[in-house]
Amino acid sequence: MDSKKVTYSILELAVLPKGSSINQVYQHTVDLAQQAEKLGYERMWFAEHHNMPAITSSAPDVLIGHVAQATTSLRLGSGGVMLPNHSPFIVAERFGTLANLFPDRIDLGLGRAPGTDQPTAHAINPGFVQATHSFPSDIEKIQQYFSKDNSSSKVRVPLAEGVDVPIYILGSSTSSARLAAQKGLPYAFASHFATAQLFNALEIYRDTFQPSEVLEEPYVITGINAIVADSDQEAERLYTSGLRMVINILSGTTSQYIEPPTDMSTSLKEVRQHPAIMQMTRYSFVGSKDTVKKQVQKFLEETEADELMVSSIMYDSDERIKSATLFAEIMKEINEQAIVPIK
């Protein structure tokens, strides 16, 4: 099979390093976005998480506006808006507003999960469980609010009508794959942490895809974690910050912040071999440029993804920018070797 050029993007969780302020985190997000724009990244998406002290991306739409003001061409979007937490009407208003402020730069990724624990989900929306079941119809409502045809409706979002805001379905299961295929929408799979159903979901999405007005052929975004440094040993050291966060998540411990990196100790190496850790970090590519390039190439051969969405949980902002720079070099090298199919 011919290879193809692959788009590369960033998923931002706005993690809080120990000793930093939240204001500093948001400034570092801007710094990363400005560099990403220069490095050829297509977009930066912001996750929605609640009641997680170490993750400060609770309001994607606000962060999108903040970063959009400091950049000029990078696409910005939600990765995603957790729709059961929100009114479809309000989502259309906010993203319609963003798209008018920053034309042709705003994406709307929609997910079904709460982005938090059950008590917090209930605090956000007491009807959360019911809202989860209405996810497909809520997507249709948002599409309707963005449609020019909604101008004759009683319930309107006038500033959104006819405005171009691409919608993406996010998921980590086969049900989200079926929904994205049925609606003919691009599909982003959260394989940066939910790895088990990746290949089943992609197969279902591609096999059952129904062309739509917005998309003629399936479009797949896959999530990965990537930490790239000058050497494998240095990358492994930088990875310990994110690895400790994963360990805390799986052990039910709340991370208050991202810890500084340490050497990869024997105990950490042992914990890293635990089946649950290995499963969750299966697509975490850590090492030098050469090491990560081989891992990425293998992943792309297996998934045939159209786009990689890269998450990098790191303590130091400068190291993260360096990692993003090296990863962009990897993708440019891979794409230079690619043969673009003639359609």
C-alpha atoms as a PDB file:
ATOM      1  CA  MET A   1       0.000   0.000   0.000  1.00  0.00           C
ATOM      2  CA  ASP A   2       1.234   3.495  -0.837  1.00  0.00           C
ATOM      3  CA  SER A   3       2.063   5.701   2.113  1.00  0.00           C
ATOM      4  CA  LYS A   4       0.511   9.126   2.500  1.00  0.00           C
ATOM      5  CA  LYS A   5       1.357  12.424   4.077  1.00  0.00           C
ATOM      6  CA  VAL A   6       0.124  12.588   7.650  1.00  0.00           C
ATOM      7  CA  THR A   7      -1.012  15.715   9.446  1.00  0.00           C
ATOM      8  CA  TYR A   8       0.268  16.271  12.981  1.00  0.00           C
ATOM      9  CA  SER A   9      -1.327  18.246  15.794  1.00  0.00           C
ATOM     10  CA  ILE A  10      -1.211  18.843  19.557  1.00  0.00           C
ATOM     11  CA  LEU A  11      -3.630  17.879  22.316  1.00  0.00           C
ATOM     12  CA  GLU A  12      -3.251  20.309  25.218  1.00  0.00           C
ATOM     13  CA  LEU A  13      -4.239  19.415  28.783  1.00  0.00           C
ATOM     14  CA  ALA A  14      -2.569  22.491  30.318  1.00  0.00           C
ATOM     15  CA  VAL A  15      -0.969  20.469  33.107  1.00  0.00           C
ATOM     16  CA  LEU A  16       0.196  22.223  36.270  1.00  0.00           C
ATOM     17  CA  PRO A  17       3.863  21.620  37.179  1.00  0.00           C
ATOM     18  CA  LYS A  18       4.827  21.680  40.839  1.00  0.00           C
ATOM     19  CA  GLY A  19       5.824  25.222  41.801  1.00  0.00           C
ATOM     20  CA  SER A  20       4.042  26.916  38.875  1.00  0.00           C
ATOM     21  CA  SER A  21       0.904  29.058  38.844  1.00  0.00           C
ATOM     22  CA  ILE A  22      -2.080  28.378  36.592  1.00  0.00           C
ATOM     23  CA  ASN A  23      -1.442  31.729  34.914  1.00  0.00           C
ATOM     24  CA  GLN A  24       2.066  30.529  34.003  1.00  0.00           C
ATOM     25  CA  VAL A  25       0.594  27.302  32.594  1.00  0.00           C
ATOM     26  CA  TYR A  26      -1.612  29.271  30.210  1.00  0.00           C
ATOM     27  CA  GLN A  27       1.338  31.430  29.122  1.00  0.00           C
ATOM     28  CA  HIS A  28       3.346  28.288  28.402  1.00  0.00           C
ATOM     29  CA  THR A  29       0.409  27.010  26.337  1.00  0.00           C
ATOM     30  CA  VAL A  30       0.637  30.173  24.246  1.00  0.00           C
ATOM     31  CA  ASP A  31       4.412  29.710  23.882  1.00  0.00           C
ATOM     32  CA  LEU A  32       3.890  26.146  22.667  1.00  0.00           C
ATOM     33  CA  ALA A  33       1.144  27.171  20.246  1.00  0.00           C
ATOM     34  CA  GLN A  34       3.293  29.901  18.721  1.00  0.00           C
ATOM     35  CA  GLN A  35       6.112  27.425  18.155  1.00  0.00           C
ATOM     36  CA  ALA A  36       3.716  24.777  16.834  1.00  0.00           C
ATOM     37  CA  GLU A  37       2.474  27.260  14.257  1.00  0.00           C
ATOM     38  CA  LYS A  38       6.052  27.729  13.007  1.00  0.00           C
ATOM     39  CA  LEU A  39       6.743  23.985  13.065  1.00  0.00           C
ATOM     40  CA  GLY A  40       3.926  22.961  10.732  1.00  0.00           C
ATOM     41  CA  TYR A  41       1.445  21.587  13.256  1.00  0.00           C
ATOM     42  CA  GLU A  42      -2.102  21.699  11.899  1.00  0.00           C
ATOM     43  CA  ARG A  43      -4.052  22.358  15.089  1.00  0.00           C
ATOM     44  CA  MET A  44      -4.057  22.474  18.852  1.00  0.00           C
ATOM     45  CA  TRP A  45      -7.025  21.002  20.678  1.00  0.00           C
ATOM     46  CA  PHE A  46      -7.885  21.535  24.324  1.00  0.00           C
ATOM     47  CA  ALA A  47      -9.238  18.719  26.472  1.00  0.00           C
ATOM     48  CA  GLU A  48     -12.093  19.263  28.934  1.00  0.00           C
ATOM     49  CA  HIS A  49     -11.379  17.966  32.434  1.00  0.00           C
ATOM     50  CA  HIS A  50     -12.994  18.867  35.741  1.00  0.00           C
ATOM     51  CA  ASN A  51     -11.983  18.563  39.393  1.00  0.00           C
ATOM     52  CA  MET A  52      -8.449  17.430  38.483  1.00  0.00           C
ATOM     53  CA  PRO A  53      -5.958  19.808  40.146  1.00  0.00           C
ATOM     54  CA  ALA A  54      -3.054  18.855  37.874  1.00  0.00           C
ATOM     55  CA  ILE A  55      -5.057  19.472  34.672  1.00  0.00           C
ATOM     56  CA  THR A  56      -6.221  23.052  34.124  1.00  0.00           C
ATOM     57  CA  SER A  57      -8.019  22.654  30.781  1.00  0.00           C
ATOM     58  CA  SER A  58     -11.528  22.931  32.229  1.00  0.00           C
ATOM     59  CA  ALA A  59     -12.856  25.501  29.746  1.00  0.00           C
ATOM     60  CA  PRO A  60     -11.692  24.694  26.197  1.00  0.00           C
ATOM     61  CA  ASP A  61     -13.612  27.538  24.555  1.00  0.00           C
ATOM     62  CA  VAL A  62     -11.947  30.130  26.792  1.00  0.00           C
ATOM     63  CA  LEU A  63      -8.471  28.709  26.120  1.00  0.00           C
ATOM     64  CA  ILE A  64      -9.184  28.582  22.385  1.00  0.00           C
ATOM     65  CA  GLY A  65      -9.933  32.306  22.387  1.00  0.00           C
ATOM     66  CA  HIS A  66      -6.883  33.068  24.507  1.00  0.00           C
ATOM     67  CA  VAL A  67      -4.478  31.173  22.240  1.00  0.00           C
ATOM     68  CA  ALA A  68      -6.151  32.314  19.009  1.00  0.00           C
ATOM     69  CA  GLN A  69      -5.372  35.927  19.893  1.00  0.00           C
ATOM     70  CA  ALA A  70      -1.674  35.069  20.144  1.00  0.00           C
ATOM     71  CA  THR A  71      -1.451  33.058  16.894  1.00  0.00           C
ATOM     72  CA  THR A  72      -2.384  33.647  13.267  1.00  0.00           C
ATOM     73  CA  SER A  73      -2.844  30.386  11.349  1.00  0.00           C
ATOM     74  CA  LEU A  74      -2.880  27.438  13.773  1.00  0.00           C
ATOM     75  CA  ARG A  75      -6.306  25.793  13.944  1.00  0.00           C
ATOM     76  CA  LEU A  76      -7.708  25.665  17.470  1.00  0.00           C
ATOM     77  CA  GLY A  77     -10.468  23.495  18.842  1.00  0.00           C
ATOM     78  CA  SER A  78     -11.915  21.315  21.523  1.00  0.00           C
ATOM     79  CA  GLY A  79     -10.598  17.854  22.126  1.00  0.00           C
ATOM     80  CA  GLY A  80     -13.252  17.971  23.159  1.00  0.00           C
ATOM     81  CA  VAL A  81     -16.380  19.594  24.447  1.00  0.00           C
ATOM     82  CA  MET A  82     -17.916  16.897  26.675  1.00  0.00           C
ATOM     83  CA  LEU A  83     -21.406  17.406  25.348  1.00  0.00           C
ATOM     84  CA  PRO A  84     -23.444  15.905  28.231  1.00  0.00           C
ATOM     85  CA  ASN A  85     -22.022  18.720  30.384  1.00  0.00           C
ATOM     86  CA  HIS A  86     -23.388  21.421  28.069  1.00  0.00           C
ATOM     87  CA  SER A  87     -26.441  22.713  26.262  1.00  0.00           C
ATOM     88  CA  PRO A  88     -26.092  22.228  22.482  1.00  0.00           C
ATOM     89  CA  PHE A  89     -27.524  25.737  22.078  1.00  0.00           C
ATOM     90  CA  ILE A  90     -24.803  27.308  24.260  1.00  0.00           C
ATOM     91  CA  VAL A  91     -22.093  25.273  22.506  1.00  0.00           C
ATOM     92  CA  ALA A  92     -23.276  26.633  19.151  1.00  0.00           C
ATOM     93  CA  GLU A  93     -23.299  30.179  20.511  1.00  0.00           C
ATOM     94  CA  ARG A  94     -19.785  29.965  21.932  1.00  0.00           C
ATOM     95  CA  PHE A  95     -18.169  28.257  18.964  1.00  0.00           C
ATOM     96  CA  GLY A  96     -20.097  30.449  16.553  1.00  0.00           C
ATOM     97  CA  THR A  97     -18.690  33.458  18.374  1.00  0.00           C
ATOM     98  CA  LEU A  98     -15.157  32.039  18.205  1.00  0.00           C
ATOM     99  CA  ALA A  99     -15.517  31.296  14.495  1.00  0.00           C
ATOM    100  CA  ASN A 100     -16.591  34.875  13.802  1.00  0.00           C
ATOM    101  CA  LEU A 101     -13.651  36.201  15.789  1.00  0.00           C
ATOM    102  CA  PHE A 102     -11.168  33.803  14.164  1.00  0.00           C
ATOM    103  CA  PRO A 103     -12.559  32.718  10.755  1.00  0.00           C
ATOM    104  CA  ASP A 104     -11.533  29.324   9.318  1.00  0.00           C
ATOM    105  CA  ARG A 105      -9.495  28.437  12.409  1.00  0.00           C
ATOM    106  CA  ILE A 106     -11.978  26.864  14.847  1.00  0.00           C
ATOM    107  CA  ASP A 107     -12.754  23.126  15.268  1.00  0.00           C
ATOM    108  CA  LEU A 108     -15.477  21.588  17.400  1.00  0.00           C
ATOM    109  CA  GLY A 109     -14.615  18.139  18.751  1.00  0.00           C
ATOM    110  CA  LEU A 110     -17.473  16.519  20.659  1.00  0.00           C
ATOM    111  CA  GLY A 111     -17.253  13.728  23.218  1.00  0.00           C
ATOM    112  CA  ARG A 112     -19.730  11.730  25.284  1.00  0.00           C
ATOM    113  CA  ALA A 113     -17.680  11.195  28.468  1.00  0.00           C
ATOM    114  CA  PRO A 114     -17.890  13.497  31.512  1.00  0.00           C
ATOM    115  CA  GLY A 115     -14.200  14.338  31.698  1.00  0.00           C
ATOM    116  CA  THR A 116     -14.383  13.810  35.442  1.00  0.00           C
ATOM    117  CA  ASP A 117     -15.639  11.489  38.208  1.00  0.00           C
ATOM    118  CA  GLN A 118     -19.309  10.675  38.739  1.00  0.00           C
ATOM    119  CA  PRO A 119     -19.957  13.025  41.714  1.00  0.00           C
ATOM    120  CA  THR A 120     -18.469  15.950  39.780  1.00  0.00           C
ATOM    121  CA  ALA A 121     -20.397  15.005  36.630  1.00  0.00           C
ATOM    122  CA  HIS A 122     -23.579  15.093  38.723  1.00  0.00           C
ATOM    123  CA  ALA A 123     -22.605  18.522  40.091  1.00  0.00           C
ATOM    124  CA  ILE A 124     -22.135  19.818  36.535  1.00  0.00           C
ATOM    125  CA  ASN A 125     -25.377  18.306  35.273  1.00  0.00           C
ATOM    126  CA  PRO A 126     -27.686  16.247  37.548  1.00  0.00           C
ATOM    127  CA  GLY A 127     -29.190  14.752  34.376  1.00  0.00           C
ATOM    128  CA  PHE A 128     -25.815  13.608  33.076  1.00  0.00           C
ATOM    129  CA  VAL A 129     -26.755   9.964  32.455  1.00  0.00           C
ATOM    130  CA  GLN A 130     -29.804  10.940  30.404  1.00  0.00           C
ATOM    131  CA  ALA A 131     -27.731  13.537  28.541  1.00  0.00           C
ATOM    132  CA  THR A 132     -25.251  10.812  27.613  1.00  0.00           C
ATOM    133  CA  HIS A 133     -28.031   8.918  25.818  1.00  0.00           C
ATOM    134  CA  SER A 134     -29.018  12.040  23.867  1.00  0.00           C
ATOM    135  CA  PHE A 135     -25.481  12.537  22.506  1.00  0.00           C
ATOM    136  CA  PRO A 136     -26.407  11.678  18.867  1.00  0.00           C
ATOM    137  CA  SER A 137     -29.443  13.976  18.834  1.00  0.00           C
ATOM    138  CA  ASP A 138     -27.511  16.767  20.571  1.00  0.00           C
ATOM    139  CA  ILE A 139     -24.944  16.645  17.768  1.00  0.00           C
ATOM    140  CA  GLU A 140     -27.769  17.049  15.260  1.00  0.00           C
ATOM    141  CA  LYS A 141     -29.032  20.073  17.190  1.00  0.00           C
ATOM    142  CA  ILE A 142     -25.625  21.714  16.972  1.00  0.00           C
ATOM    143  CA  GLN A 143     -25.441  20.966  13.258  1.00  0.00           C
ATOM    144  CA  GLN A 144     -28.875  22.541  12.838  1.00  0.00           C
ATOM    145  CA  TYR A 145     -27.876  25.699  14.719  1.00  0.00           C
ATOM    146  CA  PHE A 146     -24.887  26.089  12.364  1.00  0.00           C
ATOM    147  CA  SER A 147     -27.026  25.500   9.265  1.00  0.00           C
ATOM    148  CA  LYS A 148     -28.172  28.359   7.036  1.00  0.00           C
ATOM    149  CA  ASP A 149     -31.520  26.555   6.874  1.00  0.00           C
ATOM    150  CA  ASN A 150     -32.116  27.296  10.555  1.00  0.00           C
ATOM    151  CA  SER A 151     -32.830  30.952   9.774  1.00  0.00           C
ATOM    152  CA  SER A 152     -36.570  30.234   9.611  1.00  0.00           C
ATOM    153  CA  SER A 153     -36.644  28.315  12.900  1.00  0.00           C
ATOM    154  CA  LYS A 154     -38.103  29.690  16.115  1.00  0.00           C
ATOM    155  CA  VAL A 155     -34.987  28.694  18.068  1.00  0.00           C
ATOM    156  CA  ARG A 156     -31.907  30.143  16.425  1.00  0.00           C
ATOM    157  CA  VAL A 157     -28.232  30.935  16.961  1.00  0.00           C
ATOM    158  CA  PRO A 158     -28.049  33.662  14.293  1.00  0.00           C
ATOM    159  CA  LEU A 159     -24.312  34.289  14.688  1.00  0.00           C
ATOM    160  CA  ALA A 160     -23.605  30.600  13.962  1.00  0.00           C
ATOM    161  CA  GLU A 161     -25.811  30.175  10.885  1.00  0.00           C
ATOM    162  CA  GLY A 162     -23.691  29.414   7.827  1.00  0.00           C
ATOM    163  CA  VAL A 163     -20.454  29.700   9.789  1.00  0.00           C
ATOM    164  CA  ASP A 164     -17.858  27.035   9.030  1.00  0.00           C
ATOM    165  CA  VAL A 165     -16.970  25.107  12.198  1.00  0.00           C
ATOM    166  CA  PRO A 166     -15.965  21.507  11.374  1.00  0.00           C
ATOM    167  CA  ILE A 167     -17.388  18.947  13.813  1.00  0.00           C
ATOM    168  CA  TYR A 168     -15.348  15.916  14.909  1.00  0.00           C
ATOM    169  CA  ILE A 169     -16.614  12.925  16.882  1.00  0.00           C
ATOM    170  CA  LEU A 170     -14.279  11.913  19.698  1.00  0.00           C
ATOM    171  CA  GLY A 171     -14.314   8.504  21.301  1.00  0.00           C
ATOM    172  CA  SER A 172     -12.574   5.510  22.769  1.00  0.00           C
ATOM    173  CA  SER A 173     -15.055   2.782  21.836  1.00  0.00           C
ATOM    174  CA  THR A 174     -16.769   1.104  18.924  1.00  0.00           C
ATOM    175  CA  SER A 175     -20.049   2.946  19.622  1.00  0.00           C
ATOM    176  CA  SER A 176     -18.410   6.308  18.904  1.00  0.00           C
ATOM    177  CA  ALA A 177     -16.929   4.820  15.713  1.00  0.00           C
ATOM    178  CA  ARG A 178     -20.359   3.737  14.504  1.00  0.00           C
ATOM    179  CA  LEU A 179     -21.830   7.154  15.277  1.00  0.00           C
ATOM    180  CA  ALA A 180     -19.071   9.026  13.421  1.00  0.00           C
ATOM    181  CA  ALA A 181     -19.444   6.700  10.432  1.00  0.00           C
ATOM    182  CA  GLN A 182     -23.230   7.025  10.396  1.00  0.00           C
ATOM    183  CA  LYS A 183     -23.043  10.817  10.443  1.00  0.00           C
ATOM    184  CA  GLY A 184     -20.205  10.995   7.913  1.00  0.00           C
ATOM    185  CA  LEU A 185     -17.999  12.983  10.273  1.00  0.00           C
ATOM    186  CA  PRO A 186     -14.256  12.795  10.982  1.00  0.00           C
ATOM    187  CA  TYR A 187     -13.351  10.545  13.898  1.00  0.00           C
ATOM    188  CA  ALA A 188     -10.729  11.088  16.608  1.00  0.00           C
ATOM    189  CA  PHE A 189      -9.830   8.070  18.743  1.00  0.00           C
ATOM    190  CA  ALA A 190      -8.344   8.631  22.207  1.00  0.00           C
ATOM    191  CA  SER A 191      -5.590   6.045  21.805  1.00  0.00           C
ATOM    192  CA  HIS A 192      -3.206   8.185  23.843  1.00  0.00           C
ATOM    193  CA  PHE A 193      -4.814   6.577  26.914  1.00  0.00           C
ATOM    194  CA  ALA A 194      -7.612   4.217  25.770  1.00  0.00           C
ATOM    195  CA  THR A 195      -5.867   1.638  23.615  1.00  0.00           C
ATOM    196  CA  ALA A 196      -7.942  -1.541  23.837  1.00  0.00           C
ATOM    197  CA  GLN A 197     -10.552  -0.917  21.113  1.00  0.00           C
ATOM    198  CA  LEU A 198      -8.478   1.159  18.705  1.00  0.00           C
ATOM    199  CA  PHE A 199      -8.314  -1.259  15.794  1.00  0.00           C
ATOM    200  CA  ASN A 200     -11.881  -2.537  16.146  1.00  0.00           C
ATOM    201  CA  ALA A 201     -13.135   1.047  16.207  1.00  0.00           C
ATOM    202  CA  LEU A 202     -11.136   2.101  13.157  1.00  0.00           C
ATOM    203  CA  GLU A 203     -12.302  -0.937  11.202  1.00  0.00           C
ATOM    204  CA  ILE A 204     -15.951  -0.252  12.046  1.00  0.00           C
ATOM    205  CA  TYR A 205     -15.609   3.435  11.218  1.00  0.00           C
ATOM    206  CA  ARG A 206     -14.024   2.819   7.838  1.00  0.00           C
ATOM    207  CA  ASP A 207     -16.250  -0.121   6.882  1.00  0.00           C
ATOM    208  CA  THR A 208     -19.545   1.575   7.770  1.00  0.00           C
ATOM    209  CA  PHE A 209     -18.689   5.163   6.817  1.00  0.00           C
ATOM    210  CA  GLN A 210     -21.489   7.031   5.029  1.00  0.00           C
ATOM    211  CA  PRO A 211     -20.329   9.983   2.898  1.00  0.00           C
ATOM    212  CA  SER A 212     -21.859  13.299   3.911  1.00  0.00           C
ATOM    213  CA  GLU A 213     -21.942  16.922   2.792  1.00  0.00           C
ATOM    214  CA  VAL A 214     -18.881  17.624   4.930  1.00  0.00           C
ATOM    215  CA  LEU A 215     -16.801  14.503   4.280  1.00  0.00           C
ATOM    216  CA  GLU A 216     -16.589  12.185   1.267  1.00  0.00           C
ATOM    217  CA  GLU A 217     -14.180   9.637   2.756  1.00  0.00           C
ATOM    218  CA  PRO A 218     -13.303   8.525   6.305  1.00  0.00           C
ATOM    219  CA  TYR A 219     -10.886  10.757   8.180  1.00  0.00           C
ATOM    220  CA  VAL A 220      -9.106   9.295  11.203  1.00  0.00           C
ATOM    221  CA  ILE A 221      -7.218  11.127  13.937  1.00  0.00           C
ATOM    222  CA  THR A 222      -5.406   8.958  16.469  1.00  0.00           C
ATOM    223  CA  GLY A 223      -4.011  10.120  19.795  1.00  0.00           C
ATOM    224  CA  ILE A 224      -0.492   9.282  20.921  1.00  0.00           C
ATOM    225  CA  ASN A 225       1.881  10.399  23.648  1.00  0.00           C
ATOM    226  CA  ALA A 226       5.315  11.487  22.506  1.00  0.00           C
ATOM    227  CA  ILE A 227       8.367  12.675  24.380  1.00  0.00           C
ATOM    228  CA  VAL A 228      11.422  13.249  22.206  1.00  0.00           C
ATOM    229  CA  ALA A 229      14.834  14.300  23.483  1.00  0.00           C
ATOM    230  CA  ASP A 230      18.486  14.180  22.412  1.00  0.00           C
ATOM    231  CA  SER A 231      18.878  10.648  23.786  1.00  0.00           C
ATOM    232  CA  ASP A 232      16.721   7.730  24.851  1.00  0.00           C
ATOM    233  CA  GLN A 233      17.964   8.113  28.413  1.00  0.00           C
ATOM    234  CA  GLU A 234      17.043  11.811  28.589  1.00  0.00           C
ATOM    235  CA  ALA A 235      13.590  11.158  27.113  1.00  0.00           C
ATOM    236  CA  GLU A 236      13.002   8.379  29.650  1.00  0.00           C
ATOM    237  CA  ARG A 237      13.920  10.794  32.443  1.00  0.00           C
ATOM    238  CA  LEU A 238      11.491  13.441  31.146  1.00  0.00           C
ATOM    239  CA  TYR A 239       8.800  10.770  30.831  1.00  0.00           C
ATOM    240  CA  THR A 240       8.857   9.992  34.572  1.00  0.00           C
ATOM    241  CA  SER A 241       6.670  13.045  35.288  1.00  0.00           C
ATOM    242  CA  GLY A 242       3.856  11.785  33.065  1.00  0.00           C
ATOM    243  CA  LEU A 243       4.365   8.186  34.133  1.00  0.00           C
ATOM    244  CA  ARG A 244       3.793   9.135  37.779  1.00  0.00           C
ATOM    245  CA  MET A 245       0.557  10.826  36.735  1.00  0.00           C
ATOM    246  CA  VAL A 246      -0.601   7.632  34.984  1.00  0.00           C
ATOM    247  CA  ILE A 247       0.274   5.587  38.068  1.00  0.00           C
ATOM    248  CA  ASN A 248      -1.759   7.972  40.233  1.00  0.00           C
ATOM    249  CA  ILE A 249      -4.763   7.767  37.903  1.00  0.00           C
ATOM    250  CA  LEU A 250      -4.767   3.968  37.906  1.00  0.00           C
ATOM    251  CA  SER A 251      -4.254   3.779  41.675  1.00  0.00           C
ATOM    252  CA  GLY A 252      -7.076   6.232  42.372  1.00  0.00           C
ATOM    253  CA  THR A 253      -4.738   8.912  43.711  1.00  0.00           C
ATOM    254  CA  THR A 254      -5.388  12.529  42.758  1.00  0.00           C
ATOM    255  CA  SER A 255      -2.402  14.282  41.211  1.00  0.00           C
ATOM    256  CA  GLN A 256      -2.142  17.780  42.659  1.00  0.00           C
ATOM    257  CA  TYR A 257       0.506  18.771  40.116  1.00  0.00           C
ATOM    258  CA  ILE A 258       3.080  17.340  37.725  1.00  0.00           C
ATOM    259  CA  GLU A 259       6.210  16.242  39.545  1.00  0.00           C
ATOM    260  CA  PRO A 260       9.712  17.182  38.319  1.00  0.00           C
ATOM    261  CA  PRO A 261      11.372  14.381  36.333  1.00  0.00           C
ATOM    262  CA  THR A 262      13.770  11.949  37.956  1.00  0.00           C
ATOM    263  CA  ASP A 263      15.964   9.143  36.718  1.00  0.00           C
ATOM    264  CA  MET A 264      13.972   6.055  35.715  1.00  0.00           C
ATOM    265  CA  SER A 265      14.404   4.081  38.941  1.00  0.00           C
ATOM    266  CA  THR A 266      14.202   0.313  39.259  1.00  0.00           C
ATOM    267  CA  SER A 267      10.854   0.615  41.068  1.00  0.00           C
ATOM    268  CA  LEU A 268       9.419   2.809  38.309  1.00  0.00           C
ATOM    269  CA  LYS A 269      10.631   0.347  35.684  1.00  0.00           C
ATOM    270  CA  GLU A 270       8.878  -2.466  37.557  1.00  0.00           C
ATOM    271  CA  VAL A 271       5.610  -0.535  37.911  1.00  0.00           C
ATOM    272  CA  ARG A 272       5.827   0.355  34.223  1.00  0.00           C
ATOM    273  CA  GLN A 273       5.572  -3.370  33.431  1.00  0.00           C
ATOM    274  CA  HIS A 274       2.223  -3.724  35.216  1.00  0.00           C
ATOM    275  CA  PRO A 275      -0.391  -4.858  32.658  1.00  0.00           C
ATOM    276  CA  ALA A 276      -2.713  -1.891  33.341  1.00  0.00           C
ATOM    277  CA  ILE A 277       0.136   0.609  32.943  1.00  0.00           C
ATOM    278  CA  MET A 278       1.371  -1.107  29.791  1.00  0.00           C
ATOM    279  CA  GLN A 279      -2.134  -1.058  28.328  1.00  0.00           C
ATOM    280  CA  MET A 280      -2.712   2.625  29.055  1.00  0.00           C
ATOM    281  CA  THR A 281       0.728   3.693  27.793  1.00  0.00           C
ATOM    282  CA  ARG A 282       0.851   1.354  24.797  1.00  0.00           C
ATOM    283  CA  TYR A 283       1.088   4.264  22.385  1.00  0.00           C
ATOM    284  CA  SER A 284       3.528   6.359  24.396  1.00  0.00           C
ATOM    285  CA  PHE A 285       6.562   6.912  22.201  1.00  0.00           C
ATOM    286  CA  VAL A 286       9.568   7.958  24.258  1.00  0.00           C
ATOM    287  CA  GLY A 287      13.147   8.351  23.089  1.00  0.00           C
ATOM    288  CA  SER A 288      15.526  10.038  20.695  1.00  0.00           C
ATOM    289  CA  LYS A 289      14.431  11.135  17.237  1.00  0.00           C
ATOM    290  CA  ASP A 290      15.508   7.844  15.680  1.00  0.00           C
ATOM    291  CA  THR A 291      13.744   5.769  18.344  1.00  0.00           C
ATOM    292  CA  VAL A 292      10.468   7.665  18.191  1.00  0.00           C
ATOM    293  CA  LYS A 293      10.515   7.857  14.401  1.00  0.00           C
ATOM    294  CA  LYS A 294      10.564   4.050  14.183  1.00  0.00           C
ATOM    295  CA  GLN A 295       7.698   3.798  16.693  1.00  0.00           C
ATOM    296  CA  VAL A 296       5.627   6.382  14.852  1.00  0.00           C
ATOM    297  CA  GLN A 297       6.213   4.749  11.476  1.00  0.00           C
ATOM    298  CA  LYS A 298       5.094   1.381  12.841  1.00  0.00           C
ATOM    299  CA  PHE A 299       1.992   2.971  14.407  1.00  0.00           C
ATOM    300  CA  LEU A 300       1.088   4.702  11.141  1.00  0.00           C
ATOM    301  CA  GLU A 301       1.533   1.480   9.185  1.00  0.00           C
ATOM    302  CA  GLU A 302      -0.790  -0.311  11.611  1.00  0.00           C
ATOM    303  CA  THR A 303      -3.493   2.367  11.862  1.00  0.00           C
ATOM    304  CA  GLU A 304      -3.219   4.159   8.479  1.00  0.00           C
ATOM    305  CA  ALA A 305      -4.207   7.288  10.406  1.00  0.00           C
ATOM    306  CA  ASP A 306      -4.709  10.537   8.522  1.00  0.00           C
ATOM    307  CA  GLU A 307      -3.578  12.650  11.456  1.00  0.00           C
ATOM    308  CA  LEU A 308      -1.678  12.226  14.720  1.00  0.00           C
ATOM    309  CA  MET A 309      -2.820  14.168  17.781  1.00  0.00           C
ATOM    310  CA  VAL A 310       0.131  14.343  20.166  1.00  0.00           C
ATOM    311  CA  SER A 311      -0.108  14.668  23.931  1.00  0.00           C
ATOM    312  CA  SER A 312       3.073  15.318  25.938  1.00  0.00           C
ATOM    313  CA  ILE A 313       2.812  15.441  29.719  1.00  0.00           C
ATOM    314  CA  MET A 314       6.045  17.139  30.769  1.00  0.00           C
ATOM    315  CA  TYR A 315       7.203  19.206  33.702  1.00  0.00           C
ATOM    316  CA  ASP A 316       9.306  21.808  31.900  1.00  0.00           C
ATOM    317  CA  SER A 317       7.844  24.049  29.193  1.00  0.00           C
ATOM    318  CA  ASP A 318      11.163  24.504  27.359  1.00  0.00           C
ATOM    319  CA  GLU A 319      11.708  20.742  27.243  1.00  0.00           C
ATOM    320  CA  ARG A 320       8.204  20.310  25.889  1.00  0.00           C
ATOM    321  CA  ILE A 321       8.802  22.838  23.131  1.00  0.00           C
ATOM    322  CA  LYS A 322      12.036  21.031  22.285  1.00  0.00           C
ATOM    323  CA  SER A 323      10.167  17.719  22.161  1.00  0.00           C
ATOM    324  CA  ALA A 324       7.515  19.258  19.901  1.00  0.00           C
ATOM    325  CA  THR A 325      10.277  20.601  17.649  1.00  0.00           C
ATOM    326  CA  LEU A 326      11.944  17.208  17.345  1.00  0.00           C
ATOM    327  CA  PHE A 327       8.591  15.511  16.730  1.00  0.00           C
ATOM    328  CA  ALA A 328       7.826  17.978  13.922  1.00  0.00           C
ATOM    329  CA  GLU A 329      11.197  17.072  12.378  1.00  0.00           C
ATOM    330  CA  ILE A 330      10.216  13.394  12.580  1.00  0.00           C
ATOM    331  CA  MET A 331       6.906  14.022  10.829  1.00  0.00           C
ATOM    332  CA  LYS A 332       8.504  16.113   8.122  1.00  0.00           C
ATOM    333  CA  GLU A 333      11.005  13.321   7.452  1.00  0.00           C
ATOM    334  CA  ILE A 334       8.223  10.723   7.357  1.00  0.00           C
ATOM    335  CA  ASN A 335       6.132  12.880   5.043  1.00  0.00           C
ATOM    336  CA  GLU A 336       9.061  13.581   2.720  1.00  0.00           C
ATOM    337  CA  GLN A 337       9.395   9.821   2.287  1.00  0.00           C
ATOM    338  CA  ALA A 338       5.685   9.383   1.699  1.00  0.00           C
ATOM    339  CA  ILE A 339       4.151   8.721  -1.690  1.00  0.00           C
ATOM    340  CA  VAL A 340       0.958  10.668  -2.028  1.00  0.00           C
ATOM    341  CA  PRO A 341      -1.687   8.546  -3.804  1.00  0.00           C
ATOM    342  CA  ILE A 342      -3.173  10.084  -6.947  1.00  0.00           C
ATOM    343  CA  LYS A 343      -6.964  10.228  -6.672  1.00  0.00           C
END
